[in-house]
N, C-alpha and C. Protein backbone atom coordinates (compact mmCIF):
# COMPACT_ATOMS: atom_id res chain seq x y z
N MET A 1 -10.63 25.47 9.45
CA MET A 1 -9.34 24.11 8.92
C MET A 1 -9.93 23.11 8.92
N ALA A 2 -10.86 23.13 9.86
CA ALA A 2 -12.08 21.87 10.19
C ALA A 2 -13.18 21.54 9.44
N GLU A 3 -13.43 22.91 8.51
CA GLU A 3 -14.64 22.98 7.18
C GLU A 3 -13.70 22.97 5.83
N ILE A 4 -12.31 22.91 5.88
CA ILE A 4 -12.08 22.98 4.92
C ILE A 4 -11.50 21.60 4.55
N ARG A 5 -11.05 20.60 5.48
CA ARG A 5 -11.55 18.98 5.78
C ARG A 5 -12.04 18.39 5.61
N GLU A 6 -13.29 18.73 6.04
CA GLU A 6 -14.41 17.86 5.91
C GLU A 6 -15.62 18.56 4.49
N THR A 7 -14.76 19.53 3.99
CA THR A 7 -15.22 19.80 2.81
C THR A 7 -13.85 18.60 1.54
N LEU A 8 -13.21 18.43 1.69
CA LEU A 8 -12.45 17.76 1.19
C LEU A 8 -12.49 16.23 1.53
N VAL A 9 -13.03 16.31 2.26
CA VAL A 9 -13.70 14.58 2.65
C VAL A 9 -14.43 14.32 2.07
N ASN A 10 -15.61 15.04 1.90
CA ASN A 10 -16.77 14.72 0.75
C ASN A 10 -16.67 14.86 -0.44
N LEU A 11 -16.02 15.58 -0.88
CA LEU A 11 -15.39 16.12 -2.05
C LEU A 11 -15.06 14.82 -2.60
N THR A 12 -14.40 14.24 -1.75
CA THR A 12 -13.33 12.62 -2.01
C THR A 12 -14.22 11.77 -1.93
N LYS A 13 -15.25 11.55 -1.39
CA LYS A 13 -16.50 10.96 -1.09
C LYS A 13 -17.26 10.55 -2.65
N ASN A 14 -18.04 12.18 -2.86
CA ASN A 14 -18.33 12.04 -4.11
C ASN A 14 -17.55 11.62 -5.63
N ALA A 15 -16.23 11.98 -5.11
CA ALA A 15 -15.66 11.34 -6.68
C ALA A 15 -15.12 10.30 -6.61
N SER A 16 -15.13 9.44 -5.36
CA SER A 16 -15.06 7.77 -5.59
C SER A 16 -16.56 7.44 -5.72
N LYS A 17 -17.96 7.31 -5.34
CA LYS A 17 -18.83 7.49 -5.86
C LYS A 17 -19.37 7.45 -7.31
N THR A 18 -19.02 9.15 -7.95
CA THR A 18 -19.11 8.82 -9.37
C THR A 18 -17.87 8.04 -9.88
N THR A 19 -16.58 7.61 -9.44
CA THR A 19 -15.87 7.17 -10.42
C THR A 19 -16.83 5.43 -10.30
N GLY A 20 -16.80 5.10 -9.18
CA GLY A 20 -17.65 3.99 -9.57
C GLY A 20 -19.07 3.70 -10.29
N ASP A 21 -19.44 4.25 -9.62
CA ASP A 21 -20.63 4.34 -10.96
C ASP A 21 -20.36 4.62 -12.13
N LEU A 22 -19.28 5.25 -12.53
CA LEU A 22 -18.49 5.01 -14.40
C LEU A 22 -17.93 3.57 -14.21
N ILE A 23 -17.74 3.22 -13.49
CA ILE A 23 -17.16 1.92 -13.71
C ILE A 23 -18.51 0.87 -14.07
N LYS A 24 -19.09 0.78 -13.40
CA LYS A 24 -20.23 -0.02 -13.27
C LYS A 24 -21.14 -0.04 -14.18
N THR A 25 -21.08 1.55 -15.13
CA THR A 25 -21.82 1.86 -15.98
C THR A 25 -21.05 1.33 -17.24
N ALA A 26 -19.62 1.60 -16.68
CA ALA A 26 -18.83 0.36 -18.34
C ALA A 26 -18.99 -0.96 -18.37
N LYS A 27 -18.52 -1.36 -17.03
CA LYS A 27 -19.09 -2.89 -17.73
C LYS A 27 -20.20 -3.34 -17.81
N LEU A 28 -20.89 -2.58 -17.35
CA LEU A 28 -23.07 -2.85 -17.90
C LEU A 28 -22.70 -2.78 -19.26
N ASN A 29 -22.24 -1.69 -20.05
CA ASN A 29 -22.28 -0.96 -21.67
C ASN A 29 -21.53 -2.47 -21.85
N ILE A 30 -20.53 -2.86 -21.57
CA ILE A 30 -19.43 -3.91 -22.28
C ILE A 30 -20.76 -5.09 -22.18
N SER A 31 -21.11 -5.72 -21.01
CA SER A 31 -22.03 -7.13 -21.18
C SER A 31 -22.91 -6.76 -21.99
N LEU A 32 -23.80 -5.42 -22.16
CA LEU A 32 -24.56 -4.79 -23.03
C LEU A 32 -24.07 -5.41 -24.56
N THR A 33 -22.84 -5.07 -25.28
CA THR A 33 -22.44 -5.07 -26.53
C THR A 33 -22.41 -6.42 -26.68
N SER A 34 -21.96 -7.09 -25.25
CA SER A 34 -21.78 -8.42 -25.63
C SER A 34 -23.08 -9.48 -26.38
N GLU A 35 -23.90 -9.16 -25.00
CA GLU A 35 -25.41 -9.70 -25.70
C GLU A 35 -25.78 -9.30 -26.98
N GLN A 36 -25.74 -8.10 -27.42
CA GLN A 36 -26.18 -7.63 -28.63
C GLN A 36 -25.67 -8.77 -29.68
N THR A 37 -24.08 -8.56 -29.36
CA THR A 37 -23.14 -9.31 -30.34
C THR A 37 -23.96 -11.06 -30.35
N THR A 38 -24.34 -11.71 -28.95
CA THR A 38 -24.21 -12.62 -29.12
C THR A 38 -26.46 -13.01 -30.22
N ILE A 39 -26.82 -11.87 -29.72
CA ILE A 39 -27.90 -11.87 -30.94
C ILE A 39 -27.59 -11.89 -32.37
N LYS A 40 -26.91 -10.69 -32.43
CA LYS A 40 -26.15 -10.82 -34.24
C LYS A 40 -26.40 -11.79 -34.63
N ASN A 41 -25.33 -12.57 -33.61
CA ASN A 41 -24.75 -13.70 -34.54
C ASN A 41 -25.89 -15.19 -34.22
N LEU A 42 -26.91 -14.51 -33.40
CA LEU A 42 -27.80 -16.07 -33.61
C LEU A 42 -28.21 -15.52 -34.71
N TYR A 43 -28.59 -15.06 -34.91
CA TYR A 43 -29.36 -13.79 -36.45
C TYR A 43 -29.02 -14.64 -37.57
N THR A 44 -27.51 -14.76 -37.34
CA THR A 44 -27.37 -14.64 -38.79
C THR A 44 -26.59 -16.31 -38.94
N GLU A 45 -26.86 -17.03 -37.76
CA GLU A 45 -26.63 -18.42 -37.71
C GLU A 45 -27.99 -18.85 -37.89
N ILE A 46 -29.01 -18.38 -37.43
CA ILE A 46 -30.80 -18.74 -38.00
C ILE A 46 -30.42 -18.41 -39.39
N GLY A 47 -30.37 -17.15 -39.84
CA GLY A 47 -30.39 -17.08 -41.56
C GLY A 47 -30.05 -17.84 -42.23
N LYS A 48 -28.52 -18.24 -41.96
CA LYS A 48 -27.71 -19.13 -42.53
C LYS A 48 -28.66 -20.60 -42.81
N LYS A 49 -28.99 -21.18 -42.04
CA LYS A 49 -29.38 -22.59 -41.59
C LYS A 49 -31.02 -22.34 -42.18
N VAL A 50 -31.57 -21.42 -42.14
CA VAL A 50 -32.91 -21.22 -42.56
C VAL A 50 -32.78 -20.96 -44.62
N HIS A 51 -31.45 -21.05 -44.84
CA HIS A 51 -31.10 -20.47 -46.58
C HIS A 51 -30.86 -22.31 -46.50
N GLU A 52 -30.10 -22.87 -45.94
CA GLU A 52 -29.48 -23.79 -46.14
C GLU A 52 -30.84 -24.97 -46.13
N ILE A 53 -31.66 -25.21 -45.31
CA ILE A 53 -32.64 -26.13 -45.09
C ILE A 53 -33.92 -25.56 -46.51
N TYR A 54 -34.37 -24.53 -46.83
CA TYR A 54 -35.34 -24.04 -48.05
C TYR A 54 -34.03 -24.46 -49.51
N GLN A 55 -32.73 -24.47 -49.81
CA GLN A 55 -31.93 -24.70 -50.63
C GLN A 55 -32.25 -26.16 -50.71
N TYR A 56 -32.32 -26.73 -50.02
CA TYR A 56 -32.08 -28.59 -49.88
C TYR A 56 -33.71 -28.96 -49.99
N GLY A 57 -34.53 -27.85 -49.54
CA GLY A 57 -35.96 -28.42 -49.82
C GLY A 57 -36.63 -28.92 -48.60
N GLY A 58 -36.19 -28.45 -47.11
CA GLY A 58 -35.92 -29.17 -46.62
C GLY A 58 -37.16 -28.58 -45.42
N THR A 59 -37.36 -28.63 -44.46
CA THR A 59 -38.41 -28.55 -43.19
C THR A 59 -37.36 -27.74 -41.46
N LEU A 60 -38.29 -26.67 -41.03
CA LEU A 60 -37.93 -26.02 -39.40
C LEU A 60 -38.56 -26.97 -39.08
N GLY A 61 -37.49 -27.61 -37.61
CA GLY A 61 -37.66 -27.91 -36.63
C GLY A 61 -37.13 -27.70 -35.29
N LYS A 62 -35.85 -28.39 -34.93
CA LYS A 62 -35.30 -28.37 -33.17
C LYS A 62 -34.31 -27.41 -33.40
N PHE A 63 -33.86 -27.21 -33.89
CA PHE A 63 -32.99 -26.12 -34.49
C PHE A 63 -33.22 -25.23 -33.89
N PHE A 64 -34.46 -24.30 -35.05
CA PHE A 64 -34.94 -23.14 -34.57
C PHE A 64 -35.60 -22.83 -33.32
N ASP A 65 -36.50 -24.34 -32.48
CA ASP A 65 -36.65 -24.03 -31.07
C ASP A 65 -35.54 -23.76 -30.03
N GLU A 66 -34.54 -24.44 -30.48
CA GLU A 66 -33.49 -23.95 -29.61
C GLU A 66 -32.75 -22.68 -29.65
N LYS A 67 -32.45 -22.23 -31.01
CA LYS A 67 -31.89 -20.86 -31.07
C LYS A 67 -32.89 -19.99 -29.93
N TYR A 68 -34.20 -20.05 -30.44
CA TYR A 68 -35.53 -19.09 -30.22
C TYR A 68 -35.27 -18.90 -28.60
N LEU A 69 -35.00 -20.23 -28.06
CA LEU A 69 -34.82 -19.68 -26.77
C LEU A 69 -33.96 -18.98 -26.28
N GLU A 70 -32.10 -19.67 -27.31
CA GLU A 70 -31.51 -18.47 -26.58
C GLU A 70 -31.51 -17.19 -26.92
N LEU A 71 -32.33 -16.64 -28.51
CA LEU A 71 -32.41 -15.28 -28.32
C LEU A 71 -32.94 -15.08 -27.26
N GLU A 72 -34.55 -15.37 -26.87
CA GLU A 72 -35.15 -14.99 -25.83
C GLU A 72 -34.03 -14.86 -24.34
N ALA A 73 -33.19 -15.82 -24.22
CA ALA A 73 -32.30 -15.29 -23.25
C ALA A 73 -31.48 -14.13 -23.27
N ALA A 74 -31.22 -13.85 -24.46
CA ALA A 74 -29.87 -12.89 -24.75
C ALA A 74 -30.78 -11.32 -24.50
N GLU A 75 -32.36 -11.66 -24.73
CA GLU A 75 -33.03 -10.04 -25.02
C GLU A 75 -33.11 -9.68 -23.37
N ARG A 76 -33.42 -11.36 -22.45
CA ARG A 76 -34.06 -10.91 -20.91
C ARG A 76 -32.84 -10.29 -20.58
N LYS A 77 -31.40 -10.26 -20.57
CA LYS A 77 -30.22 -10.14 -20.50
C LYS A 77 -30.05 -8.65 -20.57
N ILE A 78 -30.26 -8.59 -22.11
CA ILE A 78 -30.21 -7.24 -22.82
C ILE A 78 -30.94 -6.04 -21.59
N ALA A 79 -32.35 -6.33 -21.19
CA ALA A 79 -33.80 -6.06 -20.65
C ALA A 79 -32.76 -5.16 -19.21
N GLU A 80 -32.16 -6.58 -18.41
CA GLU A 80 -31.68 -6.41 -17.34
C GLU A 80 -30.92 -5.60 -17.25
N ILE A 81 -29.72 -5.42 -18.01
CA ILE A 81 -28.40 -4.86 -18.26
C ILE A 81 -28.52 -3.48 -18.37
N LYS A 82 -30.10 -3.10 -19.11
CA LYS A 82 -30.31 -1.53 -19.52
C LYS A 82 -31.24 -1.18 -18.05
N GLU A 83 -31.77 -1.72 -17.34
CA GLU A 83 -32.25 -1.72 -16.45
C GLU A 83 -31.30 -1.22 -15.20
N GLN A 84 -30.49 -1.73 -15.06
CA GLN A 84 -28.91 -1.64 -13.66
C GLN A 84 -28.02 -0.30 -14.64
N ILE A 85 -28.34 -0.31 -15.73
CA ILE A 85 -27.60 0.91 -16.51
C ILE A 85 -28.56 2.10 -16.02
N ALA A 86 -29.70 1.93 -16.05
CA ALA A 86 -30.47 3.72 -16.17
C ALA A 86 -30.72 3.55 -14.60
N ALA A 87 -30.73 2.17 -13.57
CA ALA A 87 -30.54 2.88 -12.23
C ALA A 87 -29.50 3.40 -11.32
N ILE A 88 -27.97 3.18 -12.35
CA ILE A 88 -27.12 4.11 -11.93
C ILE A 88 -27.37 5.29 -12.39
N LYS A 89 -27.61 5.50 -13.42
CA LYS A 89 -27.77 7.14 -13.87
C LYS A 89 -29.09 7.64 -13.21
N GLY A 90 -30.04 7.09 -12.45
CA GLY A 90 -31.25 7.65 -11.99
C GLY A 90 -32.23 7.87 -13.21
N ILE A 91 -32.27 7.57 -14.45
CA ILE A 91 -33.53 7.64 -15.73
C ILE A 91 -34.39 6.07 -15.04
N ARG A 92 -35.10 6.35 -16.25
CA ARG A 92 -35.70 5.10 -16.55
C ARG A 92 -36.25 5.77 -18.28
N GLU A 93 -37.10 4.23 -18.71
CA GLU A 93 -37.47 4.78 -20.14
C GLU A 93 -39.09 5.50 -20.06
N CYS A 94 -39.19 5.52 -20.83
CA CYS A 94 -41.00 5.89 -21.04
C CYS A 94 -41.20 4.69 -22.46
N PRO A 95 -42.00 4.33 -21.86
CA PRO A 95 -42.37 3.28 -21.98
C PRO A 95 -43.85 3.48 -23.91
N LYS A 96 -44.01 4.74 -23.77
CA LYS A 96 -44.71 5.33 -24.71
C LYS A 96 -43.78 5.71 -26.04
N CYS A 97 -42.74 6.60 -25.85
CA CYS A 97 -42.36 7.15 -26.83
C CYS A 97 -41.00 6.89 -26.51
N GLY A 98 -40.17 6.36 -25.78
CA GLY A 98 -38.94 5.77 -25.40
C GLY A 98 -37.97 6.66 -24.76
N LYS A 99 -38.30 7.89 -24.27
CA LYS A 99 -37.53 9.10 -23.96
C LYS A 99 -36.98 8.74 -22.71
N SER A 100 -35.51 9.25 -22.27
CA SER A 100 -35.38 8.88 -21.08
C SER A 100 -35.51 10.03 -19.89
N VAL A 101 -36.20 9.63 -18.62
CA VAL A 101 -36.73 10.23 -17.78
C VAL A 101 -36.50 10.55 -16.96
N GLU A 102 -36.48 11.37 -15.73
CA GLU A 102 -35.79 10.93 -14.53
C GLU A 102 -36.61 10.39 -13.61
N ARG A 103 -36.05 9.33 -12.89
CA ARG A 103 -37.06 8.20 -12.21
C ARG A 103 -38.02 8.55 -11.38
N ASN A 104 -37.71 10.22 -10.66
CA ASN A 104 -38.98 10.86 -10.16
C ASN A 104 -39.94 11.66 -10.59
N SER A 105 -39.84 11.27 -12.12
CA SER A 105 -41.35 12.21 -12.49
C SER A 105 -41.89 11.23 -12.76
N GLU A 106 -43.13 12.41 -12.60
CA GLU A 106 -44.77 11.78 -12.97
C GLU A 106 -44.80 11.66 -14.41
N PHE A 107 -44.05 12.12 -14.83
CA PHE A 107 -44.99 12.48 -16.50
C PHE A 107 -44.13 12.22 -17.30
N CYS A 108 -43.81 12.36 -18.93
CA CYS A 108 -43.22 12.24 -19.79
C CYS A 108 -42.31 13.72 -20.13
N PRO A 109 -41.77 14.24 -20.05
CA PRO A 109 -41.77 15.46 -20.79
C PRO A 109 -41.63 15.45 -22.02
N LYS A 110 -41.55 14.38 -22.68
CA LYS A 110 -42.16 14.48 -24.31
C LYS A 110 -43.37 13.92 -24.43
N CYS A 111 -43.60 13.10 -24.58
CA CYS A 111 -45.18 12.53 -24.61
C CYS A 111 -46.19 13.38 -23.87
N GLY A 112 -45.77 13.21 -22.35
CA GLY A 112 -47.22 13.25 -21.68
C GLY A 112 -47.73 12.43 -20.83
N ILE A 113 -46.90 11.40 -21.23
CA ILE A 113 -48.28 10.15 -20.27
C ILE A 113 -47.78 9.68 -18.98
N ARG A 114 -48.99 9.93 -18.16
CA ARG A 114 -48.34 9.51 -16.63
C ARG A 114 -47.87 8.28 -16.52
N LEU A 115 -46.25 8.49 -15.86
CA LEU A 115 -45.31 7.41 -15.32
C LEU A 115 -45.83 6.53 -13.88
N GLU A 116 -45.70 5.99 -13.54
CA GLU A 116 -45.81 5.14 -12.38
C GLU A 116 -44.53 4.08 -12.41
N ALA A 117 -44.45 4.10 -10.89
CA ALA A 117 -42.99 3.65 -9.93
C ALA A 117 -43.13 2.03 -11.26
N GLY A 118 -44.00 1.09 -11.43
CA GLY A 118 -44.22 -0.07 -12.08
C GLY A 118 -43.54 -0.42 -14.01
N GLY A 119 -44.55 0.99 -13.96
CA GLY A 119 -44.53 1.03 -15.43
C GLY A 119 -45.80 2.49 -15.77
N ALA A 120 -46.21 2.65 -17.10
CA ALA A 120 -46.89 3.38 -17.12
C ALA A 120 -48.76 3.03 -17.19
N THR A 121 -49.45 3.91 -17.29
CA THR A 121 -50.69 4.48 -17.83
C THR A 121 -50.69 4.74 -18.96
N ALA A 122 -52.24 4.36 -19.62
CA ALA A 122 -52.36 5.05 -20.91
C ALA A 122 -52.93 6.78 -20.41
N GLN A 123 -52.95 7.20 -19.46
CA GLN A 123 -53.54 8.54 -19.35
C GLN A 123 -52.49 9.63 -19.87
N THR A 124 -53.26 10.89 -20.89
CA THR A 124 -52.18 11.56 -21.19
C THR A 124 -53.42 13.00 -20.45
N PRO A 125 -52.69 13.47 -20.20
CA PRO A 125 -53.03 14.61 -19.05
C PRO A 125 -54.18 15.58 -19.96
N PRO A 126 -55.10 15.93 -18.87
CA PRO A 126 -56.16 16.88 -20.04
C PRO A 126 -55.30 18.05 -19.83
N MET A 127 -55.68 18.97 -21.16
CA MET A 127 -55.41 20.10 -21.44
C MET A 127 -55.30 21.06 -20.75
N PRO A 128 -54.93 22.49 -20.27
CA PRO A 128 -55.16 23.52 -19.42
C PRO A 128 -56.00 24.43 -20.07
N ALA A 129 -57.02 24.92 -19.30
CA ALA A 129 -57.64 26.38 -19.56
C ALA A 129 -56.28 27.05 -19.89
N PRO A 130 -56.59 27.78 -21.16
CA PRO A 130 -55.70 28.86 -21.45
C PRO A 130 -55.77 30.25 -20.47
N SER A 131 -54.74 31.29 -20.17
CA SER A 131 -55.13 32.12 -19.51
C SER A 131 -55.42 33.40 -20.06
N ALA A 132 -55.65 33.95 -19.66
CA ALA A 132 -56.32 35.39 -20.46
C ALA A 132 -55.55 36.14 -21.24
N ASP A 133 -54.01 36.29 -20.43
CA ASP A 133 -53.05 36.34 -20.97
C ASP A 133 -52.09 35.80 -22.18
N ALA A 134 -52.65 34.29 -22.46
CA ALA A 134 -52.12 33.42 -22.89
C ALA A 134 -52.03 34.14 -24.72
N ASP A 135 -52.81 34.78 -25.12
CA ASP A 135 -52.52 35.76 -26.78
C ASP A 135 -51.58 36.91 -26.80
N THR A 136 -51.59 37.20 -25.80
CA THR A 136 -50.57 38.58 -25.84
C THR A 136 -49.07 38.01 -26.67
N PRO A 137 -48.46 39.06 -27.15
CA PRO A 137 -47.09 38.35 -27.63
C PRO A 137 -46.21 38.75 -26.74
N SER A 138 -46.54 39.15 -25.18
CA SER A 138 -45.08 39.35 -24.41
C SER A 138 -45.82 38.54 -23.69
N ALA A 139 -46.63 37.03 -23.53
CA ALA A 139 -46.84 36.07 -23.25
C ALA A 139 -46.19 34.83 -23.50
N LEU A 140 -45.90 34.82 -24.87
CA LEU A 140 -45.41 34.09 -26.19
C LEU A 140 -44.11 34.58 -26.43
N PHE A 141 -42.86 35.31 -26.26
CA PHE A 141 -42.17 35.55 -26.49
C PHE A 141 -41.39 37.00 -25.38
N THR A 142 -39.96 36.22 -25.32
CA THR A 142 -39.29 37.11 -24.54
C THR A 142 -37.88 37.45 -24.96
N ASN A 143 -37.67 38.31 -24.54
CA ASN A 143 -36.00 38.83 -25.12
C ASN A 143 -34.99 37.32 -24.64
N ALA A 144 -35.39 36.91 -23.64
CA ALA A 144 -34.31 36.50 -22.94
C ALA A 144 -33.91 34.95 -22.94
N PRO A 145 -33.05 34.16 -23.54
CA PRO A 145 -33.28 32.56 -23.93
C PRO A 145 -33.63 31.96 -23.33
N LEU A 146 -34.83 31.00 -23.49
CA LEU A 146 -35.64 30.23 -22.30
C LEU A 146 -34.37 29.25 -21.67
N THR A 147 -34.11 28.49 -20.70
CA THR A 147 -33.19 27.40 -20.17
C THR A 147 -34.27 26.87 -18.84
N LYS A 148 -35.14 27.57 -18.46
CA LYS A 148 -36.41 26.53 -17.92
C LYS A 148 -37.74 27.22 -18.43
N ARG A 149 -38.86 26.64 -17.52
CA ARG A 149 -39.88 27.04 -17.90
C ARG A 149 -40.82 26.64 -16.79
N GLU A 150 -41.69 27.83 -16.55
CA GLU A 150 -42.29 27.32 -15.42
C GLU A 150 -43.73 27.38 -16.04
N CYS A 151 -44.52 25.82 -15.18
CA CYS A 151 -45.76 25.68 -15.49
C CYS A 151 -46.64 26.53 -14.76
N ARG A 152 -47.87 27.23 -16.07
CA ARG A 152 -48.51 27.73 -15.46
C ARG A 152 -49.75 27.29 -14.22
N VAL A 153 -49.89 26.15 -14.52
CA VAL A 153 -50.91 25.50 -13.37
C VAL A 153 -50.15 25.09 -12.04
N CYS A 154 -48.89 24.49 -12.31
CA CYS A 154 -48.99 23.95 -11.05
C CYS A 154 -47.47 24.69 -10.22
N GLY A 155 -46.71 25.75 -11.34
CA GLY A 155 -45.95 26.38 -10.84
C GLY A 155 -44.18 25.42 -11.22
N ALA A 156 -44.21 24.82 -11.49
CA ALA A 156 -42.78 23.80 -11.41
C ALA A 156 -42.09 24.16 -12.26
N SER A 157 -40.55 24.46 -12.53
CA SER A 157 -39.74 24.39 -13.04
C SER A 157 -39.25 23.56 -14.00
N ASN A 158 -39.34 23.23 -15.14
CA ASN A 158 -39.10 22.67 -16.21
C ASN A 158 -38.61 22.80 -16.91
N ASP A 159 -37.33 21.71 -17.84
CA ASP A 159 -36.52 22.31 -18.88
C ASP A 159 -36.99 23.00 -19.88
N ALA A 160 -36.24 23.72 -20.74
CA ALA A 160 -36.68 24.53 -21.89
C ALA A 160 -37.62 23.72 -22.38
N ASN A 161 -36.65 22.97 -23.20
CA ASN A 161 -37.38 21.60 -24.26
C ASN A 161 -38.83 20.90 -23.95
N THR A 162 -38.72 20.80 -22.73
CA THR A 162 -39.57 20.07 -22.40
C THR A 162 -40.95 20.28 -22.61
N LYS A 163 -41.98 19.57 -23.24
CA LYS A 163 -43.47 19.78 -23.88
C LYS A 163 -44.50 19.72 -22.65
N PHE A 164 -44.40 18.60 -21.65
CA PHE A 164 -44.97 18.48 -20.52
C PHE A 164 -44.56 18.62 -19.32
N CYS A 165 -45.13 18.86 -18.50
CA CYS A 165 -44.77 19.65 -16.68
C CYS A 165 -44.86 18.15 -16.26
N LEU A 166 -43.30 18.16 -15.59
CA LEU A 166 -42.86 16.44 -15.16
C LEU A 166 -43.28 16.20 -13.67
N SER A 167 -43.90 17.44 -12.94
CA SER A 167 -44.94 17.60 -11.84
C SER A 167 -46.09 17.16 -12.30
N CYS A 168 -47.10 17.82 -13.02
CA CYS A 168 -48.60 17.75 -13.19
C CYS A 168 -48.93 17.15 -14.56
N GLY A 169 -47.88 16.62 -15.62
CA GLY A 169 -48.52 16.32 -16.89
C GLY A 169 -49.05 17.22 -17.78
N ARG A 170 -49.38 18.53 -17.42
CA ARG A 170 -50.17 19.76 -17.92
C ARG A 170 -49.44 19.82 -19.26
N ILE A 171 -49.65 20.44 -20.28
CA ILE A 171 -48.66 20.78 -21.50
C ILE A 171 -47.78 22.38 -21.17
N VAL A 172 -46.93 22.32 -21.04
CA VAL A 172 -46.20 23.55 -20.42
C VAL A 172 -45.74 24.66 -21.72
N ASP A 173 -46.36 25.73 -22.10
CA ASP A 173 -46.48 26.79 -23.36
C ASP A 173 -45.78 27.85 -22.40
C-alpha cells in the first residue's frame, strides 16, 4: 500500500512539473510572438519613413538611429526568450545547421559539428574507417524497421534519422 501511495505522489509531482514547464513555455512563446510583432512593426515604420524621406528628397538621420537601437533590443529579447524555451525543453540549437539538439549531446546529429557548452567549434569529426563487412548486403539492409542505430565506433545508440553519432561524432551507417 505504501508503494502505491509513493508511486501516486511521484506521478503527481511529475505531472505538476510538466504542467509548470508547459505554462512557462506558453508564456515565453507569447513573449516571443510579442517581440517578433514589435520587430515587424518597426520594419513597417522604418519602411514608411524611408519612403517618405526619399519621396520628398530628404536624408536619413536620428529617426533611423533610434529605430535601429529599438530593433537591436527586440532581437536580443527574442534570443533570450528562445534560450529560456530551449532550457525548459532541454535542447539547444546547432550553430551551424540550426537543428534542435539535446543539451548533453557532444555532436550535432544532422551536420556532425562538435558542440561545446558555450557554443560550437568548427571541427567536423573524422570519417570512420569502413569495416570489413560494410559492403555486404546484410550489413546495409535489414528486414526490421530502424528505430535506433548503433554506432560502429563507440557502440552508442542513436535515432534512426541521425547521420552523426551523438557520442563520438562519427558517421552512423
